[in-house]
Amino acid sequence: MTEEVNNTEATEEAAPVQLSLADLSAAVQIIDAASKRGTFEGGELESVGGVRNRLATFVEASQPAPTEEEGEEDSDSEVAEEASAA
Protein backbone atom coordinates (compact mmCIF):
# COMPACT_ATOMS: atom_id res chain seq x y z
CA MET A 1 0.00 0.00 0.00
CA THR A 2 2.88 2.35 0.71
CA GLU A 3 4.23 1.76 -2.79
CA GLU A 4 0.97 2.99 -4.35
CA VAL A 5 1.14 6.30 -2.48
CA ASN A 6 4.77 6.84 -3.46
CA ASN A 7 4.00 6.17 -7.14
CA THR A 8 1.20 8.74 -7.11
CA GLU A 9 3.43 11.37 -5.51
CA ALA A 10 6.18 10.75 -8.08
CA THR A 11 3.71 11.20 -10.93
CA GLU A 12 2.41 14.49 -9.50
CA GLU A 13 5.93 15.84 -9.02
CA ALA A 14 6.90 15.02 -12.61
CA ALA A 15 4.01 17.00 -14.11
CA PRO A 16 5.10 20.60 -14.77
CA VAL A 17 2.98 23.40 -13.40
CA GLN A 18 1.42 25.35 -16.23
CA LEU A 19 0.20 28.91 -16.01
CA SER A 20 -1.48 30.59 -18.96
CA LEU A 21 -2.37 34.16 -19.82
CA ALA A 22 -5.99 33.21 -19.15
CA ASP A 23 -5.02 32.28 -15.57
CA LEU A 24 -3.30 35.64 -15.07
CA SER A 25 -6.25 37.47 -16.59
CA ALA A 26 -8.57 35.58 -14.24
CA ALA A 27 -6.40 36.63 -11.28
CA VAL A 28 -6.80 40.28 -12.32
CA GLN A 29 -10.57 39.82 -12.51
CA ILE A 30 -10.61 38.15 -9.08
CA ILE A 31 -8.66 41.04 -7.57
CA ASP A 32 -11.07 43.52 -9.18
CA ALA A 33 -14.12 41.65 -7.83
CA ALA A 34 -12.63 41.32 -4.35
CA SER A 35 -11.76 45.02 -4.34
CA LYS A 36 -15.30 46.03 -5.32
CA ARG A 37 -16.66 43.91 -2.45
CA GLY A 38 -14.41 45.59 0.11
CA THR A 39 -12.27 42.52 0.80
CA PHE A 40 -9.04 44.43 1.33
CA GLU A 41 -8.20 46.80 4.16
CA GLY A 42 -6.81 50.26 3.44
CA GLY A 43 -3.23 49.33 4.25
CA GLU A 44 -3.35 46.39 1.84
CA LEU A 45 -4.65 48.31 -1.14
CA GLU A 46 -1.29 49.60 -2.33
CA SER A 47 0.35 46.17 -2.49
CA VAL A 48 -2.74 44.46 -3.92
CA GLY A 49 -3.12 47.20 -6.53
CA GLY A 50 0.56 46.93 -7.46
CA VAL A 51 0.30 43.20 -8.06
CA ARG A 52 -2.93 43.66 -10.01
CA ASN A 53 -1.36 46.31 -12.24
CA ARG A 54 1.75 44.21 -12.92
CA LEU A 55 -0.38 41.20 -13.85
CA ALA A 56 -2.64 43.29 -16.09
CA THR A 57 0.35 44.93 -17.80
CA PHE A 58 1.98 41.53 -18.40
CA VAL A 59 -1.22 40.07 -19.87
CA GLU A 60 -1.71 43.07 -22.17
CA ALA A 61 1.93 43.03 -23.31
CA SER A 62 1.79 39.28 -23.97
CA GLN A 63 -1.26 39.43 -26.22
CA PRO A 64 -0.39 38.93 -29.87
CA ALA A 65 -0.33 42.12 -31.89
CA PRO A 66 -3.26 42.49 -34.28
CA THR A 67 -2.32 41.69 -37.85
CA GLU A 68 -3.19 43.87 -40.82
CA GLU A 69 -5.89 41.39 -41.84
CA GLU A 70 -7.62 41.75 -38.46
CA GLY A 71 -7.51 45.53 -38.82
CA GLU A 72 -9.11 45.29 -42.26
CA GLU A 73 -11.85 43.01 -40.95
CA ASP A 74 -12.64 45.49 -38.20
CA SER A 75 -12.98 48.36 -40.67
CA ASP A 76 -15.17 46.22 -42.96
CA SER A 77 -17.49 45.34 -40.08
CA GLU A 78 -17.69 49.02 -39.06
CA VAL A 79 -18.72 49.96 -42.61
CA ALA A 80 -21.34 47.20 -42.61
CA GLU A 81 -22.67 48.40 -39.23
CA GLU A 82 -22.88 52.00 -40.46
CA ALA A 83 -24.70 50.89 -43.62
CA SER A 84 -27.22 48.85 -41.63
CA ALA A 85 -27.81 51.74 -39.23
CA ALA A 86 -28.60 54.13 -42.08
C-alpha atoms as a PDB file:
ATOM      1  CA  MET A   1       0.000   0.000   0.000  1.00  0.00           C
ATOM      2  CA  THR A   2       2.878   2.349   0.710  1.00  0.00           C
ATOM      3  CA  GLU A   3       4.226   1.764  -2.788  1.00  0.00           C
ATOM      4  CA  GLU A   4       0.971   2.987  -4.353  1.00  0.00           C
ATOM      5  CA  VAL A   5       1.135   6.300  -2.478  1.00  0.00           C
ATOM      6  CA  ASN A   6       4.767   6.836  -3.461  1.00  0.00           C
ATOM      7  CA  ASN A   7       3.999   6.166  -7.138  1.00  0.00           C
ATOM      8  CA  THR A   8       1.204   8.744  -7.106  1.00  0.00           C
ATOM      9  CA  GLU A   9       3.430  11.373  -5.508  1.00  0.00           C
ATOM     10  CA  ALA A  10       6.179  10.746  -8.075  1.00  0.00           C
ATOM     11  CA  THR A  11       3.710  11.205 -10.928  1.00  0.00           C
ATOM     12  CA  GLU A  12       2.406  14.486  -9.500  1.00  0.00           C
ATOM     13  CA  GLU A  13       5.929  15.842  -9.022  1.00  0.00           C
ATOM     14  CA  ALA A  14       6.899  15.015 -12.609  1.00  0.00           C
ATOM     15  CA  ALA A  15       4.008  17.003 -14.107  1.00  0.00           C
ATOM     16  CA  PRO A  16       5.101  20.597 -14.766  1.00  0.00           C
ATOM     17  CA  VAL A  17       2.979  23.395 -13.401  1.00  0.00           C
ATOM     18  CA  GLN A  18       1.417  25.354 -16.227  1.00  0.00           C
ATOM     19  CA  LEU A  19       0.200  28.907 -16.011  1.00  0.00           C
ATOM     20  CA  SER A  20      -1.484  30.593 -18.956  1.00  0.00           C
ATOM     21  CA  LEU A  21      -2.372  34.164 -19.820  1.00  0.00           C
ATOM     22  CA  ALA A  22      -5.986  33.210 -19.147  1.00  0.00           C
ATOM     23  CA  ASP A  23      -5.016  32.281 -15.575  1.00  0.00           C
ATOM     24  CA  LEU A  24      -3.303  35.637 -15.074  1.00  0.00           C
ATOM     25  CA  SER A  25      -6.254  37.471 -16.590  1.00  0.00           C
ATOM     26  CA  ALA A  26      -8.573  35.578 -14.240  1.00  0.00           C
ATOM     27  CA  ALA A  27      -6.400  36.634 -11.285  1.00  0.00           C
ATOM     28  CA  VAL A  28      -6.795  40.281 -12.322  1.00  0.00           C
ATOM     29  CA  GLN A  29     -10.574  39.816 -12.509  1.00  0.00           C
ATOM     30  CA  ILE A  30     -10.609  38.146  -9.084  1.00  0.00           C
ATOM     31  CA  ILE A  31      -8.660  41.042  -7.567  1.00  0.00           C
ATOM     32  CA  ASP A  32     -11.071  43.519  -9.175  1.00  0.00           C
ATOM     33  CA  ALA A  33     -14.119  41.653  -7.829  1.00  0.00           C
ATOM     34  CA  ALA A  34     -12.626  41.321  -4.350  1.00  0.00           C
ATOM     35  CA  SER A  35     -11.760  45.016  -4.338  1.00  0.00           C
ATOM     36  CA  LYS A  36     -15.303  46.025  -5.318  1.00  0.00           C
ATOM     37  CA  ARG A  37     -16.660  43.914  -2.452  1.00  0.00           C
ATOM     38  CA  GLY A  38     -14.406  45.589   0.110  1.00  0.00           C
ATOM     39  CA  THR A  39     -12.271  42.522   0.802  1.00  0.00           C
ATOM     40  CA  PHE A  40      -9.036  44.431   1.333  1.00  0.00           C
ATOM     41  CA  GLU A  41      -8.204  46.803   4.164  1.00  0.00           C
ATOM     42  CA  GLY A  42      -6.812  50.257   3.438  1.00  0.00           C
ATOM     43  CA  GLY A  43      -3.225  49.326   4.253  1.00  0.00           C
ATOM     44  CA  GLU A  44      -3.350  46.392   1.842  1.00  0.00           C
ATOM     45  CA  LEU A  45      -4.653  48.311  -1.136  1.00  0.00           C
ATOM     46  CA  GLU A  46      -1.289  49.596  -2.329  1.00  0.00           C
ATOM     47  CA  SER A  47       0.355  46.165  -2.490  1.00  0.00           C
ATOM     48  CA  VAL A  48      -2.735  44.463  -3.920  1.00  0.00           C
ATOM     49  CA  GLY A  49      -3.117  47.199  -6.531  1.00  0.00           C
ATOM     50  CA  GLY A  50       0.557  46.927  -7.460  1.00  0.00           C
ATOM     51  CA  VAL A  51       0.296  43.199  -8.055  1.00  0.00           C
ATOM     52  CA  ARG A  52      -2.934  43.660 -10.012  1.00  0.00           C
ATOM     53  CA  ASN A  53      -1.365  46.310 -12.241  1.00  0.00           C
ATOM     54  CA  ARG A  54       1.751  44.212 -12.919  1.00  0.00           C
ATOM     55  CA  LEU A  55      -0.381  41.201 -13.850  1.00  0.00           C
ATOM     56  CA  ALA A  56      -2.636  43.287 -16.093  1.00  0.00           C
ATOM     57  CA  THR A  57       0.349  44.934 -17.800  1.00  0.00           C
ATOM     58  CA  PHE A  58       1.979  41.533 -18.395  1.00  0.00           C
ATOM     59  CA  VAL A  59      -1.223  40.072 -19.872  1.00  0.00           C
ATOM     60  CA  GLU A  60      -1.705  43.069 -22.166  1.00  0.00           C
ATOM     61  CA  ALA A  61       1.930  43.029 -23.305  1.00  0.00           C
ATOM     62  CA  SER A  62       1.794  39.278 -23.966  1.00  0.00           C
ATOM     63  CA  GLN A  63      -1.258  39.434 -26.216  1.00  0.00           C
ATOM     64  CA  PRO A  64      -0.395  38.927 -29.874  1.00  0.00           C
ATOM     65  CA  ALA A  65      -0.330  42.122 -31.891  1.00  0.00           C
ATOM     66  CA  PRO A  66      -3.262  42.490 -34.280  1.00  0.00           C
ATOM     67  CA  THR A  67      -2.316  41.686 -37.848  1.00  0.00           C
ATOM     68  CA  GLU A  68      -3.194  43.869 -40.821  1.00  0.00           C
ATOM     69  CA  GLU A  69      -5.895  41.390 -41.835  1.00  0.00           C
ATOM     70  CA  GLU A  70      -7.619  41.748 -38.463  1.00  0.00           C
ATOM     71  CA  GLY A  71      -7.511  45.531 -38.821  1.00  0.00           C
ATOM     72  CA  GLU A  72      -9.112  45.294 -42.263  1.00  0.00           C
ATOM     73  CA  GLU A  73     -11.853  43.010 -40.951  1.00  0.00           C
ATOM     74  CA  ASP A  74     -12.644  45.487 -38.196  1.00  0.00           C
ATOM     75  CA  SER A  75     -12.985  48.355 -40.665  1.00  0.00           C
ATOM     76  CA  ASP A  76     -15.173  46.223 -42.957  1.00  0.00           C
ATOM     77  CA  SER A  77     -17.490  45.340 -40.079  1.00  0.00           C
ATOM     78  CA  GLU A  78     -17.689  49.017 -39.064  1.00  0.00           C
ATOM     79  CA  VAL A  79     -18.717  49.958 -42.611  1.00  0.00           C
ATOM     80  CA  ALA A  80     -21.340  47.202 -42.608  1.00  0.00           C
ATOM     81  CA  GLU A  81     -22.671  48.403 -39.233  1.00  0.00           C
ATOM     82  CA  GLU A  82     -22.881  52.000 -40.461  1.00  0.00           C
ATOM     83  CA  ALA A  83     -24.700  50.893 -43.618  1.00  0.00           C
ATOM     84  CA  SER A  84     -27.222  48.852 -41.633  1.00  0.00           C
ATOM     85  CA  ALA A  85     -27.807  51.739 -39.235  1.00  0.00           C
ATOM     86  CA  ALA A  86     -28.604  54.129 -42.076  1.00  0.00           C
END
